[in-house]
Each structure stands twice: as structure tokens, then as C-alpha cells.
Protein backbone atom coordinates (compact mmCIF):
# COMPACT_ATOMS: atom_id res chain seq x y z
CA MET A 1 -17.20 15.17 -14.99
CA THR A 2 -16.39 18.86 -15.52
CA LEU A 3 -15.64 19.62 -19.12
CA ARG A 4 -14.20 22.88 -20.36
CA LEU A 5 -13.51 24.12 -23.82
CA LYS A 6 -9.91 25.01 -24.42
CA SER A 7 -10.83 27.90 -26.77
CA LEU A 8 -14.03 29.33 -28.07
CA GLY A 9 -14.24 31.71 -31.01
CA SER A 10 -17.08 34.24 -31.32
CA ALA A 11 -18.51 32.30 -34.22
CA VAL A 12 -18.93 29.31 -31.91
CA LEU A 13 -20.67 31.42 -29.35
CA LEU A 14 -23.07 32.56 -32.01
CA GLY A 15 -23.83 28.89 -32.86
CA ALA A 16 -22.04 28.84 -36.19
CA LEU A 17 -21.27 25.37 -37.49
CA VAL A 18 -17.46 25.36 -37.44
CA THR A 19 -14.88 22.72 -36.53
CA LEU A 20 -14.02 23.04 -32.81
CA PRO A 21 -10.65 22.36 -31.25
CA ALA A 22 -10.45 19.09 -29.29
CA MET A 23 -12.33 19.23 -26.10
CA ALA A 24 -10.18 18.77 -22.95
CA ALA A 25 -11.35 17.89 -19.53
CA ASP A 26 -10.43 18.20 -15.86
CA LEU A 27 -10.85 15.35 -13.45
CA THR A 28 -11.58 15.59 -9.73
CA ILE A 29 -10.90 12.57 -7.56
CA GLY A 30 -12.22 12.16 -4.05
CA ALA A 31 -9.30 10.30 -2.42
CA ARG A 32 -9.37 8.67 0.97
CA THR A 33 -5.61 8.79 1.41
CA GLU A 34 -3.52 11.94 1.44
CA ILE A 35 -0.12 11.97 -0.16
CA ALA A 36 3.16 12.20 1.76
CA MET A 37 4.78 14.70 -0.52
CA ASP A 38 8.37 13.51 -0.07
CA PRO A 39 8.61 10.52 -2.42
CA HIS A 40 11.22 8.80 -0.19
CA TYR A 41 9.62 9.52 3.24
CA MET A 42 7.11 6.70 3.60
CA TRP A 43 6.96 3.54 1.57
CA SER A 44 3.36 2.49 1.07
CA ASP A 45 1.04 1.55 -1.78
CA GLY A 46 -1.09 4.63 -1.14
CA ASN A 47 1.88 6.95 -1.63
CA THR A 48 3.18 5.05 -4.66
CA SER A 49 -0.22 5.58 -6.26
CA TYR A 50 0.43 9.30 -6.29
CA TYR A 51 4.16 9.17 -7.02
CA ALA A 52 3.79 7.14 -10.20
CA GLN A 53 1.75 9.94 -11.69
CA ILE A 54 4.29 12.66 -10.85
CA TYR A 55 7.80 11.19 -10.80
CA GLY A 56 8.35 7.82 -12.42
CA ALA A 57 10.61 4.84 -11.58
CA LEU A 58 12.91 2.67 -13.68
CA VAL A 59 10.05 0.28 -14.25
CA GLY A 60 6.40 0.18 -13.22
CA THR A 61 3.60 -2.25 -12.63
CA ASP A 62 0.25 -2.40 -14.39
CA GLU A 63 -3.21 -2.89 -12.98
CA LYS A 64 -2.60 -6.68 -12.89
CA ALA A 65 0.67 -6.29 -10.92
CA GLN A 66 2.82 -7.16 -13.97
CA ILE A 67 6.15 -5.37 -14.51
CA VAL A 68 6.08 -2.87 -17.44
CA PRO A 69 8.71 -0.46 -18.79
CA GLY A 70 9.07 2.89 -17.14
CA LEU A 71 11.96 5.32 -17.36
CA ALA A 72 14.00 2.29 -18.42
CA GLU A 73 13.05 0.88 -21.81
CA SER A 74 14.85 -2.42 -21.18
CA TRP A 75 16.63 -4.35 -18.49
CA LYS A 76 18.49 -7.61 -18.14
CA PRO A 77 20.70 -9.51 -15.65
CA VAL A 78 24.35 -9.39 -16.73
CA SER A 79 25.39 -11.77 -13.95
CA GLU A 80 23.85 -13.54 -11.04
CA THR A 81 24.11 -10.41 -8.88
CA GLU A 82 24.02 -7.51 -11.37
CA TRP A 83 21.33 -6.08 -13.54
CA HIS A 84 21.54 -3.35 -16.19
CA PHE A 85 18.63 -0.95 -16.84
CA THR A 86 18.77 1.14 -20.03
CA LEU A 87 17.07 4.52 -19.83
CA ARG A 88 14.91 5.79 -22.71
CA ALA A 89 16.73 8.21 -25.04
CA GLY A 90 16.02 11.92 -24.51
CA LEU A 91 14.33 11.66 -21.17
CA LYS A 92 13.62 14.97 -19.41
CA PHE A 93 12.22 16.02 -16.05
CA ASP A 94 9.16 18.25 -16.21
CA ASP A 95 11.37 21.34 -15.63
CA GLY A 96 13.15 20.61 -18.90
CA THR A 97 16.45 19.21 -17.44
CA PRO A 98 17.79 15.96 -18.81
CA LEU A 99 17.18 12.81 -16.81
CA THR A 100 20.30 10.62 -16.66
CA ALA A 101 21.66 7.58 -14.88
CA GLN A 102 23.15 9.78 -12.19
CA ASP A 103 19.76 11.12 -11.23
CA VAL A 104 18.71 7.49 -10.64
CA VAL A 105 21.80 6.74 -8.52
CA ASP A 106 21.26 9.82 -6.30
CA SER A 107 17.53 9.10 -5.97
CA PHE A 108 18.31 5.55 -4.75
CA GLU A 109 20.81 6.95 -2.28
CA ARG A 110 18.35 9.39 -0.90
CA ALA A 111 15.64 6.73 -0.56
CA ARG A 112 18.08 4.54 1.27
CA THR A 113 19.41 7.15 3.70
CA LEU A 114 16.66 9.79 4.27
CA PRO A 115 16.79 10.71 7.95
CA ASN A 116 13.59 10.18 10.14
CA ALA A 117 11.68 8.44 7.32
CA ALA A 118 8.27 7.28 8.66
CA GLY A 119 8.35 4.19 6.41
CA PRO A 120 11.92 3.62 5.22
CA TYR A 121 12.54 2.30 1.72
CA SER A 122 15.33 0.08 2.92
CA GLY A 123 12.90 -2.82 2.92
CA ALA A 124 11.76 -2.04 -0.61
CA ILE A 125 15.32 -2.34 -1.97
CA ARG A 126 16.45 -5.04 0.44
CA GLY A 127 19.49 -6.90 -0.86
CA ILE A 128 20.51 -4.15 -3.29
CA THR A 129 24.03 -3.15 -2.30
CA THR A 130 25.05 -0.74 -5.12
CA VAL A 131 23.42 1.39 -7.68
CA LYS A 132 25.81 3.04 -10.09
CA ALA A 133 25.90 4.80 -13.49
CA VAL A 134 27.65 2.79 -16.21
CA ASP A 135 27.11 5.64 -18.72
CA ALA A 136 24.49 8.36 -19.08
CA ARG A 137 21.72 5.92 -20.04
CA THR A 138 22.75 2.71 -18.26
CA VAL A 139 22.15 2.00 -14.58
CA SER A 140 23.84 -0.93 -12.81
CA VAL A 141 22.02 -2.49 -9.89
CA ILE A 142 24.19 -4.90 -7.84
CA THR A 143 22.63 -7.29 -5.30
CA GLU A 144 24.08 -9.09 -2.32
CA MET A 145 22.85 -12.45 -3.70
CA PRO A 146 20.87 -13.60 -6.72
CA ASP A 147 17.47 -11.95 -6.76
CA PRO A 148 14.91 -12.54 -9.62
CA ILE A 149 12.53 -9.81 -8.44
CA VAL A 150 14.96 -6.90 -8.74
CA PRO A 151 12.62 -5.18 -11.26
CA TYR A 152 9.84 -5.22 -8.67
CA ARG A 153 12.25 -3.74 -6.09
CA VAL A 154 13.42 -0.84 -8.24
CA ALA A 155 9.82 -0.08 -9.24
CA GLN A 156 9.36 1.37 -5.71
CA ILE A 157 11.97 4.12 -6.01
CA GLN A 158 10.82 7.38 -7.56
CA ILE A 159 13.48 9.35 -9.50
CA VAL A 160 14.12 13.04 -8.87
CA PRO A 161 16.89 15.34 -10.18
CA SER A 162 20.29 14.82 -8.53
CA ARG A 163 20.38 18.39 -7.27
CA ILE A 164 17.15 17.74 -5.40
CA ALA A 165 18.12 14.28 -4.23
CA LYS A 166 21.32 15.66 -2.71
CA SER A 167 19.90 18.71 -0.97
CA ALA A 168 16.10 18.66 -0.52
CA SER A 169 14.48 18.09 2.85
CA THR A 170 11.06 16.65 3.49
CA ASP A 171 9.86 20.22 4.33
CA ASP A 172 11.03 21.28 0.84
CA PHE A 173 8.71 18.70 -0.71
CA ASN A 174 5.84 19.58 1.62
CA ALA A 175 6.20 23.21 0.53
CA GLY A 176 6.17 22.17 -3.17
CA ARG A 177 9.62 23.69 -3.80
CA THR A 178 11.22 20.53 -5.03
CA VAL A 179 8.40 18.53 -6.64
CA VAL A 180 10.06 17.81 -10.01
CA GLY A 181 9.43 14.52 -11.78
CA ALA A 182 9.13 12.76 -15.14
CA GLY A 183 5.63 11.39 -14.84
CA PRO A 184 2.50 12.04 -16.96
CA TYR A 185 1.41 14.91 -14.71
CA LYS A 186 3.21 17.96 -13.29
CA PHE A 187 2.81 19.41 -9.83
CA VAL A 188 0.71 22.57 -9.52
CA SER A 189 -0.17 22.93 -5.88
CA TYR A 190 -0.66 21.12 -2.61
CA GLN A 191 -2.67 22.11 0.45
CA ALA A 192 -2.18 19.79 3.39
CA GLY A 193 -5.48 18.25 4.41
CA ASP A 194 -7.29 19.58 1.37
CA ARG A 195 -6.02 18.80 -2.11
CA LEU A 196 -3.23 18.07 -4.58
CA VAL A 197 -3.52 19.64 -8.08
CA LEU A 198 -1.64 18.32 -11.09
CA LYS A 199 -1.61 19.26 -14.79
CA ALA A 200 -0.69 17.28 -17.85
CA ASN A 201 2.99 17.07 -18.69
CA PRO A 202 3.14 17.81 -22.44
CA ASP A 203 6.69 16.43 -22.61
CA TYR A 204 5.87 13.07 -20.98
CA TRP A 205 7.71 10.19 -22.74
CA GLY A 206 4.66 7.83 -22.63
CA PRO A 207 1.05 8.00 -23.82
CA LYS A 208 -0.46 11.45 -23.76
CA PRO A 209 -2.14 12.15 -20.41
CA LYS A 210 -5.90 11.85 -20.65
CA TRP A 211 -6.69 14.97 -18.55
CA ASP A 212 -5.64 18.60 -18.65
CA GLN A 213 -5.78 18.89 -14.90
CA VAL A 214 -6.34 16.42 -12.13
CA THR A 215 -7.34 17.44 -8.63
CA PHE A 216 -7.12 14.91 -5.78
CA ARG A 217 -9.34 16.13 -2.98
CA PHE A 218 -8.42 14.41 0.32
CA ILE A 219 -11.64 13.24 1.90
CA PRO A 220 -10.88 10.59 4.57
CA ASP A 221 -14.45 10.48 5.86
CA ASP A 222 -16.33 7.79 3.88
CA ALA A 223 -19.76 9.45 4.00
CA ALA A 224 -18.29 12.78 2.95
CA ARG A 225 -16.52 11.16 0.03
CA VAL A 226 -19.76 9.59 -1.21
CA ALA A 227 -21.56 12.93 -0.73
CA ALA A 228 -18.93 14.65 -2.82
CA LEU A 229 -19.64 12.23 -5.68
CA LEU A 230 -23.35 12.52 -5.42
CA GLY A 231 -23.17 16.31 -5.08
CA GLY A 232 -21.02 16.64 -8.22
CA ASP A 233 -17.95 17.83 -6.31
CA ALA A 234 -15.95 14.75 -7.42
CA ASP A 235 -16.00 12.74 -10.65
CA LEU A 236 -14.58 9.60 -9.07
CA ILE A 237 -14.02 8.39 -5.49
CA ASP A 238 -11.88 5.52 -4.24
CA PHE A 239 -12.21 3.11 -1.31
CA VAL A 240 -15.95 3.20 -1.51
CA PRO A 241 -17.39 1.80 1.75
CA PRO A 242 -19.23 -1.47 1.02
CA SER A 243 -22.29 -0.16 2.84
CA PHE A 244 -22.60 2.59 0.24
CA ALA A 245 -21.80 0.48 -2.81
CA GLU A 246 -25.33 -0.87 -3.38
CA ARG A 247 -26.82 2.65 -3.04
CA LEU A 248 -24.42 4.05 -5.65
CA ARG A 249 -25.16 1.17 -7.96
CA ASP A 250 -28.82 1.96 -7.80
CA ASP A 251 -28.33 5.67 -8.39
CA PRO A 252 -28.79 6.51 -12.10
CA LYS A 253 -26.11 9.22 -11.85
CA THR A 254 -23.29 6.94 -10.64
CA SER A 255 -21.54 3.68 -11.44
CA VAL A 256 -19.64 1.27 -9.22
CA VAL A 257 -16.60 -0.73 -10.33
CA THR A 258 -15.36 -3.66 -8.21
CA ALA A 259 -12.46 -6.10 -8.55
CA PRO A 260 -10.43 -8.41 -6.37
CA SER A 261 -7.64 -6.77 -4.38
CA ASP A 262 -4.28 -8.31 -3.47
CA ARG A 263 -4.39 -6.72 0.01
CA VAL A 264 -4.78 -8.87 3.07
CA ILE A 265 -5.96 -7.26 6.34
CA TYR A 266 -4.43 -8.80 9.45
CA LEU A 267 -3.71 -8.33 13.15
CA ILE A 268 -0.23 -8.03 14.66
CA MET A 269 0.71 -8.91 18.23
CA ASP A 270 3.75 -7.80 20.20
CA THR A 271 5.54 -11.13 20.67
CA GLU A 272 8.92 -9.71 21.69
CA ARG A 273 8.67 -7.77 24.90
CA ASP A 274 8.29 -9.54 28.25
CA GLN A 275 5.85 -6.85 29.24
CA THR A 276 3.90 -5.05 26.59
CA PRO A 277 2.58 -1.55 27.25
CA PHE A 278 -1.00 -1.78 26.12
CA VAL A 279 -2.00 -5.00 27.92
CA THR A 280 -3.32 -5.13 31.46
CA ASP A 281 -5.64 -7.14 33.63
CA LYS A 282 -9.27 -6.13 33.56
CA GLU A 283 -8.74 -3.71 36.44
CA GLY A 284 -6.07 -1.87 34.44
CA LYS A 285 -3.06 -3.29 36.31
CA PRO A 286 0.01 -4.33 34.27
CA LEU A 287 0.37 -8.05 33.74
CA ALA A 288 3.51 -9.78 34.91
CA LYS A 289 4.13 -11.25 31.47
CA ASN A 290 3.15 -10.57 27.86
CA PRO A 291 0.36 -12.97 26.92
CA PHE A 292 1.08 -12.67 23.18
CA LYS A 293 4.31 -14.60 23.71
CA ASP A 294 2.24 -17.65 24.39
CA LYS A 295 1.25 -19.58 21.22
CA ARG A 296 -1.97 -20.67 22.95
CA VAL A 297 -3.12 -17.09 23.34
CA ARG A 298 -2.33 -16.30 19.71
CA GLU A 299 -4.29 -19.34 18.59
CA ALA A 300 -7.20 -18.39 20.86
CA LEU A 301 -7.45 -14.93 19.33
CA THR A 302 -7.21 -16.43 15.82
CA ILE A 303 -10.17 -18.74 16.29
CA ALA A 304 -12.20 -16.10 18.20
CA VAL A 305 -12.54 -14.16 14.99
CA ASP A 306 -15.68 -14.80 12.83
CA ARG A 307 -14.21 -14.09 9.41
CA ASP A 308 -17.42 -14.91 7.58
CA ALA A 309 -19.21 -12.21 9.62
CA LEU A 310 -16.48 -9.71 8.88
CA ALA A 311 -16.63 -10.45 5.14
CA LYS A 312 -20.42 -10.70 4.76
CA ARG A 313 -21.72 -8.23 7.33
CA VAL A 314 -19.06 -5.73 8.22
CA MET A 315 -17.67 -5.60 4.68
CA ASP A 316 -21.07 -6.14 3.08
CA GLY A 317 -19.89 -9.11 1.01
CA LEU A 318 -16.97 -7.19 -0.56
CA ALA A 319 -14.27 -9.16 1.20
CA PHE A 320 -13.03 -12.79 1.29
CA PRO A 321 -11.94 -14.62 4.49
CA ALA A 322 -8.17 -15.16 4.68
CA GLY A 323 -5.97 -17.69 6.37
CA GLN A 324 -2.61 -16.54 5.05
CA LEU A 325 -0.78 -13.34 4.00
CA THR A 326 -1.20 -13.48 0.23
CA PRO A 327 -4.06 -14.38 -2.09
CA GLN A 328 -4.05 -17.21 -4.54
CA GLY A 329 -2.10 -16.40 -7.72
CA PHE A 330 0.89 -14.94 -5.87
CA GLY A 331 4.19 -16.73 -5.02
CA GLY A 332 4.08 -18.12 -1.49
CA TYR A 333 0.39 -18.90 -1.47
CA ASP A 334 -0.13 -22.38 0.11
CA PRO A 335 -3.39 -24.06 -0.97
CA GLY A 336 -3.07 -26.46 1.99
CA ILE A 337 -3.67 -23.63 4.54
CA ASN A 338 -7.30 -23.44 5.47
CA VAL A 339 -9.12 -20.31 6.68
CA PRO A 340 -9.34 -20.70 10.51
CA GLN A 341 -12.85 -21.64 11.73
CA THR A 342 -14.40 -19.85 14.62
CA ASP A 343 -14.37 -21.97 17.81
CA LEU A 344 -15.19 -19.96 20.90
CA GLU A 345 -15.20 -22.95 23.22
CA ARG A 346 -11.66 -23.98 22.18
CA ALA A 347 -10.54 -20.34 22.41
CA ARG A 348 -11.66 -20.04 25.98
CA LYS A 349 -9.93 -23.33 26.91
CA LEU A 350 -6.68 -22.20 25.28
CA LEU A 351 -6.81 -18.96 27.25
CA ALA A 352 -7.48 -20.86 30.45
CA ASP A 353 -4.61 -23.26 29.80
CA ALA A 354 -2.33 -20.27 29.21
CA GLY A 355 -3.25 -18.86 32.62
CA TYR A 356 -5.95 -16.39 31.55
CA PRO A 357 -9.25 -18.05 32.49
CA ASP A 358 -10.82 -14.60 32.88
CA GLY A 359 -9.02 -13.10 29.92
CA PHE A 360 -7.20 -9.78 30.02
CA ALA A 361 -7.51 -6.21 28.66
CA VAL A 362 -5.75 -4.89 25.57
CA THR A 363 -5.79 -1.79 23.40
CA LEU A 364 -6.31 -2.48 19.71
CA HIS A 365 -4.81 0.32 17.61
CA CYS A 366 -6.17 0.90 14.09
CA THR A 367 -6.28 3.52 11.38
CA ASN A 368 -9.55 5.18 10.54
CA ASP A 369 -8.60 6.47 7.10
CA ARG A 370 -6.35 3.85 5.41
CA TYR A 371 -8.23 0.67 4.75
CA VAL A 372 -11.88 0.10 3.68
CA ASN A 373 -14.13 0.18 6.78
CA ASP A 374 -11.01 -0.03 9.02
CA ALA A 375 -12.54 1.65 12.11
CA ARG A 376 -15.77 -0.36 11.71
CA VAL A 377 -13.81 -3.61 11.39
CA CYS A 378 -11.81 -2.93 14.56
CA GLN A 379 -14.92 -2.20 16.55
CA ALA A 380 -16.41 -5.52 15.32
CA LEU A 381 -13.20 -7.28 16.34
CA GLY A 382 -13.46 -5.82 19.83
CA GLN A 383 -16.90 -7.36 20.18
CA MET A 384 -15.66 -10.76 18.89
CA PHE A 385 -12.80 -10.90 21.31
CA ALA A 386 -15.13 -9.96 24.20
CA ARG A 387 -16.92 -13.25 23.67
CA VAL A 388 -13.89 -15.14 24.93
CA GLY A 389 -13.11 -12.73 27.78
CA ILE A 390 -10.76 -10.31 26.15
CA LYS A 391 -11.64 -6.76 27.04
CA VAL A 392 -10.64 -4.59 24.07
CA ASP A 393 -10.29 -0.85 23.98
CA VAL A 394 -10.35 0.12 20.29
CA GLN A 395 -8.31 3.21 19.53
CA THR A 396 -8.57 4.53 15.93
CA MET A 397 -6.52 7.36 14.51
CA PRO A 398 -5.50 8.96 11.19
CA ARG A 399 -2.82 7.15 9.27
CA ALA A 400 -0.56 10.24 9.68
CA VAL A 401 -0.57 9.55 13.40
CA PHE A 402 -0.75 5.82 13.35
CA PHE A 403 2.18 4.90 11.13
CA PRO A 404 4.96 6.94 12.71
CA ARG A 405 4.10 5.42 16.07
CA ALA A 406 3.62 1.87 14.76
CA THR A 407 6.87 1.85 12.75
CA ASP A 408 9.13 3.36 15.42
CA HIS A 409 11.03 0.12 16.17
CA LYS A 410 12.91 1.84 19.04
CA GLY A 411 9.92 3.52 20.51
CA GLU A 412 6.91 2.43 22.53
CA ARG A 413 5.08 0.84 19.56
CA PHE A 414 1.74 -0.87 19.90
CA SER A 415 0.83 -4.15 21.58
CA PHE A 416 -1.98 -5.13 19.15
CA LEU A 417 -2.74 -3.48 15.84
CA MET A 418 -4.34 -3.93 12.46
CA LEU A 419 -2.42 -3.60 9.21
CA GLY A 420 -2.89 -4.32 5.53
CA TRP A 421 -0.35 -5.66 3.04
CA GLY A 422 -0.49 -6.05 -0.73
CA SER A 423 1.53 -8.41 -2.92
CA SER A 424 1.61 -6.33 -6.11
CA THR A 425 4.85 -4.66 -5.05
CA SER A 426 6.76 -7.93 -5.54
CA GLY A 427 4.41 -10.40 -7.22
CA GLU A 428 4.81 -12.68 -4.30
CA ALA A 429 4.18 -12.91 -0.51
CA ASP A 430 6.51 -10.02 0.35
CA ALA A 431 4.72 -9.82 3.71
CA LEU A 432 7.00 -12.73 4.79
CA PRO A 433 10.38 -11.00 4.43
CA GLN A 434 8.91 -7.60 5.32
CA GLY A 435 6.37 -8.41 8.02
CA ILE A 436 7.36 -11.83 9.44
CA HIS A 437 11.18 -12.20 9.22
CA THR A 438 12.99 -11.11 12.34
CA TYR A 439 13.55 -7.36 12.32
CA ASP A 440 17.05 -6.75 10.86
CA PRO A 441 17.52 -3.22 9.58
CA THR A 442 21.08 -3.98 8.42
CA LYS A 443 19.74 -6.51 5.83
CA GLY A 444 16.44 -4.82 5.19
CA PHE A 445 14.38 -7.69 6.67
CA GLY A 446 11.31 -7.16 8.90
CA THR A 447 10.80 -3.39 8.24
CA TRP A 448 7.06 -3.96 8.74
CA ASN A 449 7.42 -6.64 11.40
CA LEU A 450 5.70 -4.33 13.90
CA GLY A 451 5.24 -6.96 16.57
CA HIS A 452 8.88 -8.12 16.37
CA TYR A 453 7.91 -11.73 15.84
CA SER A 454 10.91 -14.00 15.49
CA ASN A 455 11.16 -17.58 14.32
CA PRO A 456 14.54 -19.00 13.29
CA VAL A 457 12.91 -21.76 11.13
CA ALA A 458 10.78 -19.12 9.26
CA ASP A 459 13.79 -16.80 8.96
CA GLU A 460 15.87 -19.52 7.32
CA LEU A 461 13.18 -20.42 4.77
CA ILE A 462 12.48 -16.72 3.99
CA SER A 463 16.11 -15.91 3.58
CA ARG A 464 16.71 -18.91 1.39
CA SER A 465 13.74 -18.03 -0.81
CA GLN A 466 15.09 -14.55 -1.48
CA SER A 467 18.18 -15.86 -3.36
CA GLU A 468 16.34 -18.66 -5.10
CA MET A 469 16.30 -18.07 -8.84
CA ASP A 470 14.33 -21.18 -9.73
CA THR A 471 10.81 -20.11 -10.64
CA GLU A 472 9.29 -23.22 -9.06
CA LYS A 473 11.50 -23.55 -5.97
CA ARG A 474 11.25 -19.96 -4.89
CA PRO A 475 7.42 -19.82 -4.43
CA ALA A 476 7.47 -23.33 -2.95
CA THR A 477 10.03 -22.20 -0.30
CA LEU A 478 7.95 -19.10 0.43
CA ALA A 479 4.90 -21.36 0.77
CA GLN A 480 6.76 -23.49 3.25
CA ALA A 481 7.62 -20.37 5.30
CA MET A 482 3.97 -19.35 5.12
CA ARG A 483 2.91 -22.76 6.51
CA VAL A 484 5.42 -22.49 9.39
CA THR A 485 4.35 -18.94 10.39
CA MET A 486 0.65 -19.46 10.10
CA GLY A 487 1.05 -22.66 12.11
CA ASP A 488 2.74 -20.66 14.82
CA PHE A 489 0.00 -18.03 14.65
CA ALA A 490 2.61 -15.30 14.08
CA VAL A 491 -0.15 -12.90 12.96
CA ILE A 492 -3.92 -13.14 12.52
CA PRO A 493 -5.07 -12.98 8.85
CA LEU A 494 -8.62 -11.65 8.56
CA TYR A 495 -9.71 -11.11 4.94
CA TYR A 496 -8.76 -9.91 1.49
CA GLN A 497 -10.26 -6.59 0.46
CA SER A 498 -12.01 -5.74 -2.80
CA VAL A 499 -11.27 -2.75 -4.87
CA VAL A 500 -14.39 -0.56 -4.98
CA VAL A 501 -14.40 2.61 -7.03
CA ALA A 502 -17.42 4.79 -7.90
CA THR A 503 -17.67 7.28 -10.77
CA ARG A 504 -20.21 9.66 -12.24
CA LYS A 505 -22.06 8.40 -15.30
CA GLY A 506 -20.04 9.17 -18.39
CA LEU A 507 -16.78 7.89 -16.87
CA SER A 508 -15.31 4.48 -16.98
CA TYR A 509 -12.53 3.17 -14.73
CA THR A 510 -10.09 0.22 -14.84
CA PRO A 511 -9.39 -0.91 -11.25
CA TRP A 512 -5.93 -1.96 -9.95
CA ALA A 513 -5.32 -5.09 -7.90
CA SER A 514 -2.96 -2.92 -5.77
CA GLU A 515 -5.85 -0.53 -5.14
CA ARG A 516 -3.91 2.29 -6.81
CA THR A 517 -6.01 5.28 -7.79
CA ASN A 518 -4.76 6.34 -11.17
CA ALA A 519 -6.11 9.31 -13.08
CA ASP A 520 -5.41 7.80 -16.51
CA SER A 521 -7.31 4.67 -15.59
CA ALA A 522 -10.41 6.86 -15.87
CA SER A 523 -11.75 7.68 -19.28
CA PRO A 524 -14.81 9.43 -20.65
CA SER A 525 -17.35 6.91 -21.83
CA THR A 526 -20.67 6.93 -23.60
CA ASN A 527 -22.42 4.91 -20.81
């Protein structure tokens, strides 16, 4: 940790015993994920991690995924389909301009309608039909139907000044011209592919920021990120590769913090198109039909995966095998769903029964800088599928390339891909309405259903759950939908990640279930 004295008098330099001003510090974080500077361009946990420190939303979530006050000091439902959020008195953006309800309204509108967004926020605020200003400090949020998790939904939308919401382009944010927020830190500079620099916002409404300046260095390469920590070029690094965790634990200069994550890693198959572009026979010729439309093929791939090997060997014990899309403790988790057991003999028989006794060839598309060990996991999966006759060409790419292609619902898309989903954004299995429900952009369903899976029974259960206000019936209905979709092998759950963060000695860190990397979760310590 690099400490600097704010001011030094000549007497101090001479060693005189005088009372010093408080010591302030800078923090450098080696971050795996680079920010998308436009706060309404791509909805993802990685981006929200940054935005919460610069902008601010009506409400927020804490490290345990619980809703906490944000720009709004209080909120309540005033009818079955309307909520009122009351802003704190005297709120200001970091440029000194007042923050009012109209800024909130215009920020929501921009998030809803931003052209060419790579990850639209329409899914985040699904079911919200109207956001309006009741007065300068009161925001009305109206929903299409009763929705008890409205606070979780509005927590995703970052608030910017109205003048910026109405006129700024994504290029304006990338250039730093319009980065104005009401978070604990203010924007200083951004260099694409290199770093983001922030400084403490002295007028922040909440607890005083812990650091004078925070620098996020974008280091997607795992080994380079670890080297930056060991070399003193970073005080803290996120997404520590499990293979490095033991080494860092044993190093007297570093500490490792681990905790369970809410993120499930899973595989998506194109189940919509009659012919899918990245599947061929083993000689490279197109297949007459899409094998993923056959439930037997989907089951075969599911039981071809050795989840214990992924968790213990590929993830070095810092993962937990998964059989569904949310971990225990979140709404929609079904304790009756077992983790699929590896059964290569049955997998081969299922493929043969489906008309693929010799298997087929497929390209598996993955990120190489988004999830822990993502490229390594995909290579291991390729080897596992080869054991049942599936020839896999693993193609990994940076998230900046992967996500625009994967989320282009009208474009080529991928046939077979790996994705991660966390439940902290809603407190329940939001992967069901977002990643399983039939893609329906008009209603905000299926934004992340990248294989265009469709199941009317699941859709009905998911839709019904979204308007269920009963705190027992809602998770039970989601769990029923989980049972239906996992029984249909809609996707292939692999494992739940762990949060792994490493720091230099003298620094403590409180991890987030959502894997958020938060500057003020780091504190100087005496350890």
C-alpha cells in the first residue's frame, strides 16, 4: 500500500516531535475486468462494481446482497403497482449541481432506450412501465403488475444529471467528458486498456471515502495480475486464479481472502435454429439439423461433464459443483435437484439414440478475461466432451469481443457458449426470467437467453412468479420453474465460483458475494 503524507512541515522533516496531519493513502487495484464507461451501455455485475463507486443508484446492495439505502433514504409501495422513493435532502452531483427526481427520471429513460447497447438494461428494469417525478425529492416507480423486488431492479440504474442523460453519447463517456456522478469517488481519468483513476468526493452524502485516490489498473492476464501484487505495483487484486491462491497464502508479503460467490457458471446451447452455425460433422460439413434441439443430446452433454474434476482440479478446490442456476439461500433454489453425475456410457448411448453415434463437431465460445479460470475451464470441457465423441474447438476471446456477439439476438450469435450469472442483483434466481424465459424484448424477458431456449410451461411459471407478492409462494414457484428447466436440460450448470481476493500485508478486505471489487471494502490493518 502506497502511503503519502498530505503535508509536511520543515519541522517534521527535521524530526521534530510535532502533531502531524492525518495520513491519507492511495489505493491501487489490479482489476481483471475493464469498465464500460457509459453506465447504461452494458448491464453486468462487473460494470456495476465500478458504477456504484462513481454514480450511485436509488438504492444499493451490500456485500451480503441485501438492499441498503442509496440516493433514496426511504421507499415504500403506495399501491400494488406503485412505489415511492424519497431522495435524501441536499443531494448534489460531484460537479456541485443539485440531484433531483428529474435526474432519476431521465437516467431511467436513457438506460431503457440507449441505442446499440451491448447489454441492454431493459431486463434489469423489466416490468417497470413508468418512472416519474412526484416532486423534487420523490420518485414514483410504476410497474405493469405487482413486483416485490422493485428495489433490487432500481438498484441497477445509475443516476446522471438530466442534461447528460438527454444528450450524452457512449463516446462522450468513453472520452470522460460526461462522467458526473454522486458516488464516493470522482472521475479523474480513463485510459482504455490501462487504467481508471478516481479521487475521493469530499461532498459525498455517505461515509467519508477511505482513500484519497483509487487507481484501477486493468490487468486481464491472471499471471500478470499476481505479478503486479508481488512486485508492489498493486495493493489488491481481484479474481485471483485458484492455482495462485496457495502461493499467495504462503508468501509473507500477501494475504488471501476467500468467500462463497453467488455466481453460477453454465453452458448455453442454441436450441432455436434448425441449423446452427458453429456445429458440423467431424469433417466440417454442416449438419442437416441442429443437435441441440434434441433433449437427448442436451442430457448427454450434461452428464459428460465431470463437475468434481472441474471444482477440485481445474478450480483448485475453490468452486462447488452445481445442478441449478442459483445457490442455496436464494429464492428459486430447489433442494430436490441433484448435481448431475458423470455417466459417459449413458451419454454415448443418448447420442447414438439421437442419431449421432460418432458424435459431431462444435465450437465452444468463451471469454478469457471475465470469469475465474474461464479459458482453462473451457479447455477442460473440450477434453471432457471428446470422451463421448464430441469434437470441440474452443475459441476464447476478450469480454469486449465476446459479449457484443453473444448478445446480438438478431445476429449470428454462438451455438455453444459459457456464461456466468449471479443472483445478488435480485436476491433470487433471476437467471430464470433473464436467461431461461423465451426471449421477449417487449416485456424484458430473456435478455440473456442467448440460446433462445423456449418452454411454455417454464414461461408460465416464471411469469407467474414475477407478480407473486407472497414471500413463500414466489420462491416456491421459481423453484418449480427451476425443476422444469433443469429437467429439460435447458442449460448445463457447472459450478459456483468462490470470491478470491489477494492483498498486500497491512490491508484487510471484506469480500462481496456478487464478486464486486469495492475500494472502500479495503482498509489499512495492523496485520
